[in-house]
Amino acid sequence: MTKHELIGEMADELSLSKKKCGETLNVLLEEIISALERGRRFVQPGFGSFKTVDTNERVGRNPSNGKLMLYPKKRKLKFKVSDILKEGLK
């Protein structure tokens, strides 16, 4: 499903204009991104949770030439699907 399709479904379900649903969805996504950038979690019961995890810098090998290289520290995004959604997908 694309964002455009989601907005159309929301508009039909809520009897609102597509423009209003699009604006609402954009604000929602901006708030979720903002929370994650601040290091907070986003949890939607029945769907799952998003969180960020900081990784330390580490030494690894370049697989193409075998030379050692330094991987810098970075922040990764993790998603954990809820058990309710997991069961519903079976």
N, C-alpha and C. Protein backbone atom coordinates (compact mmCIF):
# COMPACT_ATOMS: atom_id res chain seq x y z
N MET A 1 0.85 -1.17 0.00
CA MET A 1 0.00 0.00 0.00
C MET A 1 0.90 1.24 0.00
N THR A 2 0.58 2.18 -0.86
CA THR A 2 1.34 3.42 -0.92
C THR A 2 0.71 4.47 -0.01
N LYS A 3 1.44 5.54 0.22
CA LYS A 3 0.92 6.62 1.05
C LYS A 3 -0.36 7.20 0.42
N HIS A 4 -0.36 7.34 -0.88
CA HIS A 4 -1.53 7.87 -1.59
C HIS A 4 -2.74 6.96 -1.39
N GLU A 5 -2.54 5.65 -1.47
CA GLU A 5 -3.63 4.70 -1.25
C GLU A 5 -4.12 4.76 0.20
N LEU A 6 -3.20 4.89 1.15
CA LEU A 6 -3.57 5.00 2.55
C LEU A 6 -4.42 6.23 2.79
N ILE A 7 -4.04 7.36 2.20
CA ILE A 7 -4.80 8.59 2.36
C ILE A 7 -6.21 8.41 1.79
N GLY A 8 -6.31 7.75 0.65
CA GLY A 8 -7.62 7.48 0.06
C GLY A 8 -8.49 6.62 0.96
N GLU A 9 -7.91 5.59 1.54
CA GLU A 9 -8.66 4.71 2.47
C GLU A 9 -9.10 5.48 3.70
N MET A 10 -8.20 6.31 4.24
CA MET A 10 -8.55 7.12 5.41
C MET A 10 -9.70 8.07 5.09
N ALA A 11 -9.64 8.71 3.94
CA ALA A 11 -10.68 9.66 3.53
C ALA A 11 -12.04 8.96 3.41
N ASP A 12 -12.05 7.77 2.84
CA ASP A 12 -13.30 7.02 2.71
C ASP A 12 -13.84 6.60 4.07
N GLU A 13 -12.96 6.10 4.92
CA GLU A 13 -13.37 5.59 6.24
C GLU A 13 -13.87 6.71 7.16
N LEU A 14 -13.21 7.87 7.11
CA LEU A 14 -13.53 8.96 8.02
C LEU A 14 -14.44 10.02 7.41
N SER A 15 -14.80 9.86 6.16
CA SER A 15 -15.63 10.84 5.45
C SER A 15 -15.03 12.24 5.51
N LEU A 16 -13.72 12.30 5.28
CA LEU A 16 -13.00 13.57 5.23
C LEU A 16 -12.39 13.74 3.85
N SER A 17 -11.91 14.94 3.57
CA SER A 17 -11.26 15.16 2.28
C SER A 17 -9.88 14.49 2.27
N LYS A 18 -9.42 14.16 1.07
CA LYS A 18 -8.10 13.55 0.94
C LYS A 18 -7.02 14.54 1.39
N LYS A 19 -7.24 15.82 1.12
CA LYS A 19 -6.27 16.84 1.53
C LYS A 19 -6.12 16.86 3.05
N LYS A 20 -7.23 16.84 3.78
CA LYS A 20 -7.18 16.87 5.24
C LYS A 20 -6.53 15.60 5.78
N CYS A 21 -6.85 14.46 5.20
CA CYS A 21 -6.24 13.20 5.63
C CYS A 21 -4.74 13.19 5.35
N GLY A 22 -4.34 13.74 4.20
CA GLY A 22 -2.92 13.82 3.86
C GLY A 22 -2.16 14.70 4.84
N GLU A 23 -2.76 15.84 5.20
CA GLU A 23 -2.13 16.73 6.17
C GLU A 23 -2.00 16.05 7.53
N THR A 24 -3.05 15.35 7.93
CA THR A 24 -3.05 14.66 9.22
C THR A 24 -1.97 13.57 9.25
N LEU A 25 -1.89 12.81 8.18
CA LEU A 25 -0.88 11.75 8.10
C LEU A 25 0.52 12.34 8.14
N ASN A 26 0.75 13.44 7.43
CA ASN A 26 2.06 14.07 7.43
C ASN A 26 2.45 14.56 8.83
N VAL A 27 1.51 15.14 9.56
CA VAL A 27 1.80 15.61 10.92
C VAL A 27 2.12 14.41 11.82
N LEU A 28 1.35 13.34 11.68
CA LEU A 28 1.60 12.13 12.48
C LEU A 28 3.00 11.59 12.22
N LEU A 29 3.37 11.47 10.95
CA LEU A 29 4.69 10.94 10.62
C LEU A 29 5.81 11.86 11.10
N GLU A 30 5.61 13.18 11.00
CA GLU A 30 6.61 14.13 11.49
C GLU A 30 6.80 14.00 12.99
N GLU A 31 5.73 13.79 13.73
CA GLU A 31 5.83 13.64 15.19
C GLU A 31 6.53 12.34 15.56
N ILE A 32 6.26 11.28 14.84
CA ILE A 32 6.94 10.00 15.10
C ILE A 32 8.43 10.15 14.84
N ILE A 33 8.79 10.76 13.72
CA ILE A 33 10.20 10.96 13.37
C ILE A 33 10.88 11.84 14.40
N SER A 34 10.21 12.89 14.83
CA SER A 34 10.77 13.80 15.83
C SER A 34 11.05 13.07 17.14
N ALA A 35 10.11 12.24 17.56
CA ALA A 35 10.30 11.47 18.80
C ALA A 35 11.49 10.53 18.67
N LEU A 36 11.62 9.86 17.53
CA LEU A 36 12.73 8.93 17.33
C LEU A 36 14.06 9.68 17.28
N GLU A 37 14.08 10.87 16.68
CA GLU A 37 15.30 11.67 16.63
C GLU A 37 15.74 12.09 18.03
N ARG A 38 14.80 12.29 18.93
CA ARG A 38 15.12 12.65 20.32
C ARG A 38 15.46 11.44 21.17
N GLY A 39 15.45 10.26 20.56
CA GLY A 39 15.81 9.04 21.29
C GLY A 39 14.66 8.39 22.02
N ARG A 40 13.43 8.84 21.76
CA ARG A 40 12.27 8.24 22.39
C ARG A 40 11.74 7.10 21.54
N ARG A 41 10.87 6.30 22.14
CA ARG A 41 10.25 5.18 21.42
C ARG A 41 8.89 5.61 20.90
N PHE A 42 8.43 4.93 19.86
CA PHE A 42 7.05 5.09 19.40
C PHE A 42 6.42 3.71 19.47
N VAL A 43 5.33 3.61 20.23
CA VAL A 43 4.65 2.33 20.42
C VAL A 43 3.20 2.48 19.97
N GLN A 44 2.78 1.59 19.10
CA GLN A 44 1.38 1.52 18.69
C GLN A 44 0.88 0.13 19.05
N PRO A 45 0.10 0.03 20.15
CA PRO A 45 -0.39 -1.28 20.55
C PRO A 45 -1.15 -1.97 19.41
N GLY A 46 -0.90 -3.24 19.25
CA GLY A 46 -1.53 -4.01 18.20
C GLY A 46 -0.79 -3.94 16.87
N PHE A 47 0.21 -3.06 16.78
CA PHE A 47 0.99 -2.92 15.55
C PHE A 47 2.45 -3.23 15.82
N GLY A 48 3.09 -2.45 16.70
CA GLY A 48 4.48 -2.68 17.02
C GLY A 48 5.11 -1.45 17.62
N SER A 49 6.44 -1.49 17.77
CA SER A 49 7.14 -0.35 18.36
C SER A 49 8.42 -0.07 17.57
N PHE A 50 8.74 1.22 17.48
CA PHE A 50 9.96 1.69 16.85
C PHE A 50 10.85 2.27 17.93
N LYS A 51 12.14 2.04 17.84
CA LYS A 51 13.09 2.67 18.74
C LYS A 51 14.42 2.81 18.02
N THR A 52 15.26 3.69 18.56
CA THR A 52 16.60 3.84 18.00
C THR A 52 17.60 3.21 18.95
N VAL A 53 18.66 2.68 18.37
CA VAL A 53 19.72 2.04 19.14
C VAL A 53 21.05 2.60 18.66
N ASP A 54 21.86 3.09 19.59
CA ASP A 54 23.19 3.58 19.24
C ASP A 54 24.17 2.42 19.23
N THR A 55 24.98 2.35 18.17
CA THR A 55 26.00 1.31 18.09
C THR A 55 27.37 1.96 18.30
N ASN A 56 28.30 1.25 18.87
CA ASN A 56 29.66 1.74 19.07
C ASN A 56 30.46 1.58 17.80
N GLU A 57 31.54 2.34 17.69
CA GLU A 57 32.40 2.13 16.53
C GLU A 57 33.12 0.80 16.73
N ARG A 58 33.43 0.17 15.61
CA ARG A 58 34.05 -1.15 15.70
C ARG A 58 34.98 -1.36 14.51
N VAL A 59 35.85 -2.33 14.66
CA VAL A 59 36.77 -2.70 13.59
C VAL A 59 36.19 -3.92 12.89
N GLY A 60 36.19 -3.88 11.57
CA GLY A 60 35.69 -5.01 10.78
C GLY A 60 36.58 -5.21 9.57
N ARG A 61 36.20 -6.14 8.73
CA ARG A 61 36.96 -6.42 7.52
C ARG A 61 36.15 -6.05 6.30
N ASN A 62 36.84 -5.49 5.33
CA ASN A 62 36.23 -5.24 4.03
C ASN A 62 36.13 -6.59 3.33
N PRO A 63 34.93 -7.05 3.01
CA PRO A 63 34.81 -8.39 2.43
C PRO A 63 35.44 -8.53 1.04
N SER A 64 35.59 -7.44 0.32
CA SER A 64 36.13 -7.56 -1.03
C SER A 64 37.65 -7.68 -1.05
N ASN A 65 38.35 -7.05 -0.09
CA ASN A 65 39.81 -7.14 -0.12
C ASN A 65 40.43 -7.65 1.19
N GLY A 66 39.62 -7.87 2.21
CA GLY A 66 40.11 -8.43 3.47
C GLY A 66 40.81 -7.45 4.38
N LYS A 67 40.90 -6.18 4.00
CA LYS A 67 41.58 -5.19 4.84
C LYS A 67 40.70 -4.77 6.02
N LEU A 68 41.38 -4.46 7.14
CA LEU A 68 40.66 -3.97 8.31
C LEU A 68 40.15 -2.57 8.03
N MET A 69 38.97 -2.28 8.57
CA MET A 69 38.43 -0.94 8.43
C MET A 69 37.65 -0.58 9.69
N LEU A 70 37.50 0.70 9.92
CA LEU A 70 36.81 1.18 11.10
C LEU A 70 35.39 1.58 10.73
N TYR A 71 34.41 0.94 11.37
CA TYR A 71 33.02 1.31 11.18
C TYR A 71 32.67 2.35 12.25
N PRO A 72 32.19 3.53 11.87
CA PRO A 72 31.90 4.56 12.86
C PRO A 72 30.67 4.23 13.68
N LYS A 73 30.55 4.89 14.85
CA LYS A 73 29.34 4.69 15.63
C LYS A 73 28.18 5.35 14.90
N LYS A 74 26.99 4.79 15.08
CA LYS A 74 25.83 5.34 14.40
C LYS A 74 24.58 4.95 15.17
N ARG A 75 23.47 5.52 14.74
CA ARG A 75 22.18 5.22 15.34
C ARG A 75 21.36 4.41 14.34
N LYS A 76 20.81 3.29 14.81
CA LYS A 76 20.00 2.43 13.95
C LYS A 76 18.55 2.48 14.40
N LEU A 77 17.66 2.25 13.48
CA LEU A 77 16.23 2.19 13.77
C LEU A 77 15.83 0.73 13.87
N LYS A 78 15.11 0.39 14.93
CA LYS A 78 14.64 -0.99 15.10
C LYS A 78 13.12 -0.98 15.22
N PHE A 79 12.51 -2.00 14.65
CA PHE A 79 11.06 -2.18 14.74
C PHE A 79 10.78 -3.56 15.28
N LYS A 80 9.88 -3.63 16.26
CA LYS A 80 9.47 -4.92 16.80
C LYS A 80 7.96 -5.03 16.59
N VAL A 81 7.55 -6.03 15.85
CA VAL A 81 6.14 -6.23 15.57
C VAL A 81 5.43 -6.75 16.82
N SER A 82 4.19 -6.32 17.04
CA SER A 82 3.46 -6.77 18.22
C SER A 82 3.01 -8.22 18.04
N ASP A 83 2.83 -8.89 19.14
CA ASP A 83 2.39 -10.28 19.10
C ASP A 83 0.98 -10.40 18.50
N ILE A 84 0.15 -9.38 18.72
CA ILE A 84 -1.21 -9.41 18.17
C ILE A 84 -1.16 -9.39 16.65
N LEU A 85 -0.35 -8.51 16.08
CA LEU A 85 -0.21 -8.44 14.63
C LEU A 85 0.43 -9.70 14.09
N LYS A 86 1.43 -10.21 14.79
CA LYS A 86 2.12 -11.43 14.37
C LYS A 86 1.14 -12.60 14.27
N GLU A 87 0.26 -12.72 15.27
CA GLU A 87 -0.73 -13.80 15.26
C GLU A 87 -1.75 -13.60 14.15
N GLY A 88 -2.11 -12.35 13.87
CA GLY A 88 -3.09 -12.07 12.83
C GLY A 88 -2.58 -12.36 11.44
N LEU A 89 -1.26 -12.36 11.26
CA LEU A 89 -0.67 -12.60 9.95
C LEU A 89 -0.49 -14.09 9.64
N LYS A 90 -0.70 -14.94 10.62
CA LYS A 90 -0.51 -16.39 10.40
C LYS A 90 -1.60 -16.96 9.54
